[in-house]
């Protein structure tokens, strides 16, 4: 993250921007698909700032990544702050329209008051946020925009809060993360004049009531949608899938659907989800013919490494190639510490007692001499 928000401590822990090379990320994606993965997430503290430290940018990375995504698999983008997406709006719209990229973006606004944003040091104004959202909604039909809002930031007036309420009423965000301000110790915001706790609580409640007053998916009942099934629901009664806009669709718990892209008819909608019934005559897409890794298996191990581990061989680095090398027991013993070798514990204990005896004699002997 390149921001220095007055309320945030995350950057203190994460440090300055550090971008992985494009080739490394593309190779990691390819490896994941070869291991049976059907959905990858590209995420960071601020995805939009990617590459500014290594002479590249997010669209360049994304165009390389989509080349590696097989049919039946999807890519989801992580959070990006408004300042670092503004300059890439045209390219981002093209990428978000790609059939193997979810038309979804998380863009935190935090407040719809410019004075509050200034105190937060968010480095954008409300007009910037609206420009991003309006442009993407026009160029990427149906896109899901998720956002964050902080209620009761120090100095926030009733008028400031009402501006935020109007923003939510205008856009009716389907995904909205509402946070009551908490002063994190050591941050500049913790030293500012605080909004009374009761006021913060009431504003959070009012905004939550507004958010729950509308149902964003009611108009989608009766639609036929293509969804990717990736996990089990919290109540274990359904499988969870997502449509191209990363909207949650619950489908029957049929093991044959897991990891597949299928078509469903939407027959019910709730506040945070829809329910879909698979269409019997629709084509089923499988992202990979590879068996997904079992629970507990380590990602990234080569076949040679797996074979070596199964056969008890020791892995040794080689300047020209990675090959499993048999290591004799005598070599293992040489590499072990004394207390790891047979009888090593007894040897260490004996030496320690001997040293302790010498120290005791030296200490009391010295005292007697001085007296």
Protein backbone atom coordinates (compact mmCIF):
# COMPACT_ATOMS: atom_id res chain seq x y z
CA UNK A 1 0.00 0.00 0.00
CA UNK A 2 1.24 3.48 -0.87
CA UNK A 3 -1.25 5.33 1.32
CA UNK A 4 -0.65 6.63 4.83
CA UNK A 5 -4.19 6.64 6.22
CA UNK A 6 -4.40 8.19 9.66
CA UNK A 7 -6.52 5.35 11.12
CA UNK A 8 -4.53 2.37 9.79
CA UNK A 9 -1.88 0.22 11.46
CA UNK A 10 -1.69 -2.50 8.82
CA UNK A 11 1.06 -0.77 6.87
CA UNK A 12 3.16 -0.64 10.04
CA UNK A 13 3.16 -4.43 9.96
CA UNK A 14 3.31 -4.97 6.19
CA UNK A 15 5.86 -2.29 5.28
CA UNK A 16 6.31 -0.55 1.95
CA UNK A 17 5.19 -1.71 -1.47
CA UNK A 18 6.94 -4.83 -2.75
CA UNK A 19 5.68 -6.36 -5.99
CA UNK A 20 6.39 -9.90 -7.17
CA UNK A 21 7.69 -10.12 -10.78
CA UNK A 22 5.03 -10.81 -13.41
CA UNK A 23 6.73 -14.04 -14.51
CA UNK A 24 6.68 -15.40 -10.97
CA UNK A 25 2.97 -14.72 -10.54
CA UNK A 26 2.10 -16.21 -13.93
CA UNK A 27 4.14 -19.34 -13.16
CA UNK A 28 2.37 -19.68 -9.81
CA UNK A 29 -1.01 -19.43 -11.55
CA UNK A 30 -0.04 -22.06 -14.12
CA UNK A 31 1.17 -24.37 -11.37
CA UNK A 32 -2.12 -23.93 -9.49
CA UNK A 33 -4.20 -24.87 -12.52
CA UNK A 34 -1.97 -27.92 -13.10
CA UNK A 35 -2.78 -28.98 -9.53
CA UNK A 36 -6.53 -28.89 -10.17
CA UNK A 37 -7.33 -25.36 -8.95
CA UNK A 38 -10.32 -23.76 -10.71
CA UNK A 39 -10.36 -20.28 -9.12
CA UNK A 40 -7.49 -17.97 -8.19
CA UNK A 41 -7.55 -14.69 -6.27
CA UNK A 42 -5.10 -11.89 -6.97
CA UNK A 43 -4.93 -9.87 -3.80
CA UNK A 44 -2.74 -7.57 -1.70
CA UNK A 45 -2.98 -4.55 0.58
CA UNK A 46 -3.76 -2.47 -2.52
CA UNK A 47 -3.88 -4.44 -5.75
CA UNK A 48 -4.12 -1.29 -7.85
CA UNK A 49 -0.65 -0.16 -6.74
CA UNK A 50 0.95 -3.32 -8.13
CA UNK A 51 4.17 -2.83 -10.10
CA UNK A 52 4.91 0.79 -9.24
CA UNK A 53 8.14 -0.31 -7.57
CA UNK A 54 9.32 -2.53 -10.45
CA UNK A 55 8.37 -0.46 -13.48
CA UNK A 56 5.11 -2.13 -14.47
CA UNK A 57 1.40 -1.95 -13.60
CA UNK A 58 -1.69 -4.02 -12.81
CA UNK A 59 -3.19 -4.22 -16.35
CA UNK A 60 0.11 -5.54 -17.72
CA UNK A 61 0.09 -8.30 -15.10
CA UNK A 62 -3.57 -9.13 -15.70
CA UNK A 63 -3.23 -9.49 -19.47
CA UNK A 64 -0.41 -11.98 -18.87
CA UNK A 65 -2.45 -13.86 -16.28
CA UNK A 66 -5.59 -14.27 -18.38
CA UNK A 67 -3.50 -16.02 -21.04
CA UNK A 68 -2.78 -18.75 -18.49
CA UNK A 69 -6.37 -19.27 -17.30
CA UNK A 70 -7.96 -22.41 -18.80
CA UNK A 71 -11.60 -22.60 -19.86
CA UNK A 72 -13.79 -23.34 -16.86
CA UNK A 73 -11.53 -21.45 -14.41
CA UNK A 74 -11.83 -17.89 -13.10
CA UNK A 75 -9.74 -15.05 -11.68
CA UNK A 76 -10.98 -12.73 -8.94
CA UNK A 77 -9.33 -9.36 -8.29
CA UNK A 78 -8.72 -8.08 -4.79
CA UNK A 79 -9.15 -4.67 -3.21
CA UNK A 80 -7.87 -1.55 -4.92
CA UNK A 81 -8.02 2.01 -3.61
CA UNK A 82 -9.48 4.69 -5.95
CA UNK A 83 -6.24 6.65 -6.63
CA UNK A 84 -4.46 3.68 -8.21
CA UNK A 85 -7.26 2.53 -10.47
CA UNK A 86 -8.19 5.92 -11.95
CA UNK A 87 -5.33 5.97 -14.45
CA UNK A 88 -6.11 2.44 -15.69
CA UNK A 89 -9.90 2.63 -16.05
CA UNK A 90 -10.03 1.85 -19.79
CA UNK A 91 -7.79 -1.21 -19.53
CA UNK A 92 -9.43 -2.40 -16.31
CA UNK A 93 -12.85 -2.30 -17.96
CA UNK A 94 -11.57 -4.47 -20.82
CA UNK A 95 -10.05 -6.97 -18.38
CA UNK A 96 -13.17 -7.12 -16.19
CA UNK A 97 -15.16 -7.95 -19.32
CA UNK A 98 -12.93 -10.96 -20.01
CA UNK A 99 -14.95 -14.21 -19.80
CA UNK A 100 -12.47 -15.75 -17.34
CA UNK A 101 -12.30 -12.74 -14.98
CA UNK A 102 -15.07 -12.02 -12.48
CA UNK A 103 -16.76 -8.65 -13.13
CA UNK A 104 -16.15 -7.72 -9.52
CA UNK A 105 -14.06 -5.06 -7.81
CA UNK A 106 -13.67 -4.03 -4.18
CA UNK A 107 -13.11 -0.25 -3.99
CA UNK A 108 -13.23 1.18 -0.45
CA UNK A 109 -14.73 4.68 -0.17
CA UNK A 110 -14.73 4.91 3.68
CA UNK A 111 -16.72 8.18 3.66
CA UNK A 112 -18.64 10.34 1.21
CA UNK A 113 -17.43 13.54 2.89
CA UNK A 114 -14.38 15.21 1.34
CA UNK A 115 -13.43 16.82 4.67
CA UNK A 116 -13.46 13.42 6.40
CA UNK A 117 -11.46 11.86 3.54
CA UNK A 118 -8.93 14.65 3.93
CA UNK A 119 -8.59 13.93 7.67
CA UNK A 120 -8.19 10.25 6.81
CA UNK A 121 -5.49 11.14 4.24
CA UNK A 122 -7.18 8.93 1.68
CA UNK A 123 -5.66 10.87 -1.27
CA UNK A 124 -8.90 11.08 -3.29
CA UNK A 125 -12.22 12.88 -3.16
CA UNK A 126 -15.76 11.54 -3.47
CA UNK A 127 -15.88 12.65 -7.10
CA UNK A 128 -12.92 10.37 -7.85
CA UNK A 129 -14.70 7.39 -6.34
CA UNK A 130 -17.89 8.14 -8.28
CA UNK A 131 -15.91 8.50 -11.50
CA UNK A 132 -14.44 5.02 -11.05
CA UNK A 133 -17.77 3.42 -10.17
CA UNK A 134 -19.77 5.18 -12.88
CA UNK A 135 -17.22 4.37 -15.58
CA UNK A 136 -17.01 0.68 -14.66
CA UNK A 137 -20.79 0.34 -14.39
CA UNK A 138 -21.13 1.78 -17.89
CA UNK A 139 -18.33 -0.22 -19.51
CA UNK A 140 -18.81 -3.50 -17.57
CA UNK A 141 -22.58 -4.15 -17.49
CA UNK A 142 -23.68 -5.91 -14.31
CA UNK A 143 -20.37 -5.43 -12.49
CA UNK A 144 -20.40 -5.92 -8.72
CA UNK A 145 -18.82 -3.05 -6.78
CA UNK A 146 -18.07 -3.77 -3.13
CA UNK A 147 -17.01 -0.99 -0.77
CA UNK A 148 -16.13 -0.17 2.85
CA UNK A 149 -17.45 2.61 5.08
CA UNK A 150 -16.22 3.83 8.47
CA UNK A 151 -18.86 5.36 10.73
CA UNK A 152 -17.89 7.95 13.34
CA UNK A 153 -14.40 8.92 12.19
CA UNK A 154 -13.00 11.73 14.38
CA UNK A 155 -14.54 15.06 13.38
CA UNK A 156 -17.36 13.49 11.34
CA UNK A 157 -20.45 15.71 11.61
CA UNK A 158 -24.08 14.77 11.05
CA UNK A 159 -23.85 16.47 7.66
CA UNK A 160 -20.78 14.39 6.77
CA UNK A 161 -22.58 11.20 7.71
CA UNK A 162 -25.68 12.13 5.68
CA UNK A 163 -23.45 12.47 2.60
CA UNK A 164 -22.39 8.86 3.14
CA UNK A 165 -26.02 7.79 3.53
CA UNK A 166 -26.86 9.46 0.20
CA UNK A 167 -24.01 7.62 -1.51
CA UNK A 168 -25.33 4.25 -0.34
CA UNK A 169 -28.87 5.19 -1.39
CA UNK A 170 -27.56 6.18 -4.83
CA UNK A 171 -25.50 3.07 -5.58
CA UNK A 172 -27.20 0.44 -3.38
CA UNK A 173 -24.00 -1.54 -3.10
CA UNK A 174 -24.74 -5.30 -3.01
CA UNK A 175 -21.67 -5.84 -0.82
CA UNK A 176 -21.02 -3.22 1.88
CA UNK A 177 -18.62 -3.57 4.82
CA UNK A 178 -19.69 -1.19 7.60
CA UNK A 179 -17.19 -0.50 10.35
CA UNK A 180 -17.63 1.54 13.52
CA UNK A 181 -14.51 3.64 14.00
CA UNK A 182 -12.08 2.36 16.60
CA UNK A 183 -8.99 4.43 17.55
CA UNK A 184 -6.01 2.16 17.06
CA UNK A 185 -3.24 3.06 19.52
CA UNK A 186 -0.29 4.82 17.92
CA UNK A 187 -2.19 6.14 14.90
CA UNK A 188 -2.75 9.86 14.22
CA UNK A 189 -6.53 9.33 14.27
CA UNK A 190 -6.33 8.11 17.86
CA UNK A 191 -5.12 11.56 18.90
CA UNK A 192 -7.91 13.43 17.10
CA UNK A 193 -11.11 14.68 18.71
CA UNK A 194 -13.32 11.61 18.97
CA UNK A 195 -16.99 11.29 18.07
CA UNK A 196 -19.00 10.15 21.16
CA UNK A 197 -19.40 6.38 21.34
CA UNK A 198 -23.19 6.56 21.37
CA UNK A 199 -23.17 8.65 18.17
CA UNK A 200 -20.80 6.22 16.43
CA UNK A 201 -22.99 3.32 17.43
CA UNK A 202 -26.19 5.00 16.20
CA UNK A 203 -24.65 5.94 12.84
CA UNK A 204 -23.43 2.39 12.35
CA UNK A 205 -26.90 1.09 13.16
CA UNK A 206 -28.61 3.55 10.81
CA UNK A 207 -26.33 2.68 7.89
CA UNK A 208 -26.77 -1.05 8.55
CA UNK A 209 -30.55 -0.64 8.48
CA UNK A 210 -30.31 1.18 5.16
CA UNK A 211 -28.11 -1.57 3.72
CA UNK A 212 -30.58 -4.27 4.77
CA UNK A 213 -33.56 -2.34 3.40
CA UNK A 214 -32.95 -3.42 -0.18
CA UNK A 215 -32.47 -6.79 -1.86
CA UNK A 216 -30.02 -6.57 -4.76
CA UNK A 217 -30.86 -9.92 -6.36
CA UNK A 218 -34.67 -10.06 -6.45
CA UNK A 219 -34.80 -9.06 -10.12
CA UNK A 220 -32.56 -12.00 -11.05
CA UNK A 221 -35.05 -14.72 -10.14
CA UNK A 222 -35.85 -16.64 -13.30
CA UNK A 223 -32.49 -15.96 -14.95
CA UNK A 224 -30.25 -18.68 -16.35
CA UNK A 225 -26.70 -18.16 -15.12
CA UNK A 226 -23.30 -19.77 -15.56
CA UNK A 227 -21.70 -20.46 -12.16
CA UNK A 228 -18.45 -21.96 -10.85
CA UNK A 229 -18.85 -24.28 -7.84
CA UNK A 230 -15.96 -23.96 -5.38
CA UNK A 231 -16.91 -24.71 -1.77
CA UNK A 232 -19.42 -25.91 0.80
CA UNK A 233 -21.83 -23.53 2.54
CA UNK A 234 -21.43 -22.76 6.24
CA UNK A 235 -24.51 -24.80 7.15
CA UNK A 236 -23.22 -27.71 5.00
CA UNK A 237 -26.59 -27.90 3.20
CA UNK A 238 -25.42 -26.51 -0.15
CA UNK A 239 -22.44 -26.01 -2.38
CA UNK A 240 -21.43 -22.39 -2.99
CA UNK A 241 -20.95 -21.15 -6.54
CA UNK A 242 -20.39 -17.72 -8.06
CA UNK A 243 -21.75 -16.27 -11.28
CA UNK A 244 -19.66 -14.03 -13.60
CA UNK A 245 -20.28 -11.05 -11.28
CA UNK A 246 -19.04 -12.96 -8.21
CA UNK A 247 -22.53 -13.05 -6.76
CA UNK A 248 -23.10 -16.03 -4.47
CA UNK A 249 -25.33 -18.79 -5.81
CA UNK A 250 -26.24 -21.81 -3.68
CA UNK A 251 -26.62 -25.08 -5.60
CA UNK A 252 -27.54 -28.65 -4.58
CA UNK A 253 -24.84 -30.52 -2.70
CA UNK A 254 -23.90 -32.87 -5.53
CA UNK A 255 -20.22 -34.00 -5.39
CA UNK A 256 -20.19 -34.13 -9.19
CA UNK A 257 -20.62 -30.34 -9.28
CA UNK A 258 -17.59 -29.44 -7.16
CA UNK A 259 -14.94 -27.61 -9.16
CA UNK A 260 -17.19 -27.47 -12.23
CA UNK A 261 -18.70 -24.60 -14.17
CA UNK A 262 -22.39 -25.29 -14.77
CA UNK A 263 -25.54 -23.49 -15.83
CA UNK A 264 -28.36 -23.02 -13.33
CA UNK A 265 -31.84 -21.55 -13.22
CA UNK A 266 -32.23 -19.00 -10.41
CA UNK A 267 -35.39 -19.78 -8.42
CA UNK A 268 -34.87 -17.84 -5.17
CA UNK A 269 -33.01 -14.76 -3.94
CA UNK A 270 -31.98 -13.50 -0.51
CA UNK A 271 -30.02 -10.52 0.74
CA UNK A 272 -26.59 -12.08 0.19
CA UNK A 273 -27.28 -15.02 -2.13
CA UNK A 274 -29.35 -16.65 -4.83
CA UNK A 275 -30.34 -20.29 -5.20
CA UNK A 276 -29.94 -22.11 -8.47
CA UNK A 277 -31.01 -25.45 -9.92
CA UNK A 278 -28.57 -27.01 -12.43
CA UNK A 279 -29.86 -27.24 -15.98
CA UNK A 280 -29.81 -30.87 -17.09
CA UNK A 281 -29.06 -30.30 -20.78
CA UNK A 282 -26.32 -27.67 -20.22
CA UNK A 283 -22.65 -28.23 -20.90
CA UNK A 284 -20.40 -28.75 -17.86
CA UNK A 285 -16.96 -27.16 -17.94
CA UNK A 286 -14.03 -28.64 -16.03
CA UNK A 287 -11.06 -26.33 -15.54
CA UNK A 288 -8.54 -29.15 -15.32
CA UNK A 289 -8.39 -32.90 -15.83
CA UNK A 290 -5.89 -33.03 -12.95
CA UNK A 291 -7.07 -34.38 -9.63
CA UNK A 292 -7.11 -31.50 -7.12
CA UNK A 293 -4.70 -31.78 -4.21
CA UNK A 294 -6.13 -33.61 -1.23
CA UNK A 295 -6.61 -31.77 2.04
CA UNK A 296 -3.20 -31.43 3.70
CA UNK A 297 -1.17 -31.87 0.51
CA UNK A 298 1.47 -29.19 -0.07
CA UNK A 299 1.14 -27.05 -3.18
CA UNK A 300 4.14 -26.49 -5.41
CA UNK A 301 5.99 -29.78 -4.96
CA UNK A 302 7.34 -31.23 -8.20
CA UNK A 303 6.64 -34.83 -9.11
CA UNK A 304 10.33 -35.63 -8.51
CA UNK A 305 10.14 -34.17 -5.02
CA UNK A 306 6.96 -36.09 -4.21
CA UNK A 307 8.56 -39.31 -5.46
CA UNK A 308 11.69 -38.61 -3.41
CA UNK A 309 9.64 -37.99 -0.27
CA UNK A 310 7.68 -41.20 -0.74
CA UNK A 311 10.85 -43.25 -1.22
CA UNK A 312 12.81 -41.83 1.68
CA UNK A 313 15.39 -39.97 -0.40
CA UNK A 314 17.00 -36.74 0.70
CA UNK A 315 16.65 -33.65 -1.53
CA UNK A 316 19.90 -31.89 -2.38
CA UNK A 317 20.32 -28.72 -4.39
CA UNK A 318 22.34 -29.10 -7.59
CA UNK A 319 23.66 -26.17 -9.64
CA UNK A 320 22.33 -27.51 -12.93
CA UNK A 321 19.26 -29.51 -11.95
CA UNK A 322 17.01 -30.54 -9.10
CA UNK A 323 17.45 -34.25 -8.53
CA UNK A 324 16.70 -36.53 -5.58
CA UNK A 325 19.93 -37.92 -4.16
CA UNK A 326 20.22 -40.90 -1.84
CA UNK A 327 22.13 -39.92 1.28
CA UNK A 328 23.75 -42.67 3.37
CA UNK A 329 22.87 -42.91 7.07
CA UNK A 330 26.41 -41.88 8.04
CA UNK A 331 25.89 -38.54 6.29
CA UNK A 332 22.63 -37.99 8.13
CA UNK A 333 24.39 -38.59 11.43
CA UNK A 334 27.06 -36.06 10.51
CA UNK A 335 24.39 -33.46 9.89
CA UNK A 336 22.59 -34.11 13.15
CA UNK A 337 23.21 -32.07 16.26
CA UNK A 338 24.70 -33.89 19.29
CA UNK A 339 21.38 -34.18 21.11
CA UNK A 340 19.73 -35.65 17.96
CA UNK A 341 22.21 -38.52 17.75
CA UNK A 342 21.81 -41.79 19.58
CA UNK A 343 22.97 -41.33 23.17
CA UNK A 344 23.50 -37.64 22.52
CA UNK A 345 21.19 -36.60 25.35
CA UNK A 346 23.25 -38.50 27.91
CA UNK A 347 26.51 -36.99 26.59
CA UNK A 348 25.15 -33.46 26.82
CA UNK A 349 23.89 -34.05 30.35
CA UNK A 350 27.28 -35.45 31.48
CA UNK A 351 29.24 -32.52 30.03
CA UNK A 352 26.82 -30.01 31.58
CA UNK A 353 27.16 -31.53 35.05
CA UNK A 354 30.95 -31.53 34.77
CA UNK A 355 31.02 -27.86 33.80
CA UNK A 356 28.66 -26.99 36.65
CA UNK A 357 30.93 -28.76 39.16
CA UNK A 358 34.00 -26.83 37.92
CA UNK A 359 32.16 -23.51 38.22
CA UNK A 360 30.98 -24.28 41.75
CA UNK A 361 34.50 -25.23 42.89
CA UNK A 362 35.99 -22.13 41.25
CA UNK A 363 33.36 -19.82 42.78
CA UNK A 364 33.58 -21.10 46.38
CA UNK A 365 37.33 -21.54 46.13
CA UNK A 366 37.69 -17.91 45.15
CA UNK A 367 35.57 -16.79 48.07
CA UNK A 368 37.68 -18.64 50.56
CA UNK A 369 40.85 -17.12 49.17
CA UNK A 370 39.47 -13.60 49.47
CA UNK A 371 38.31 -14.19 53.03
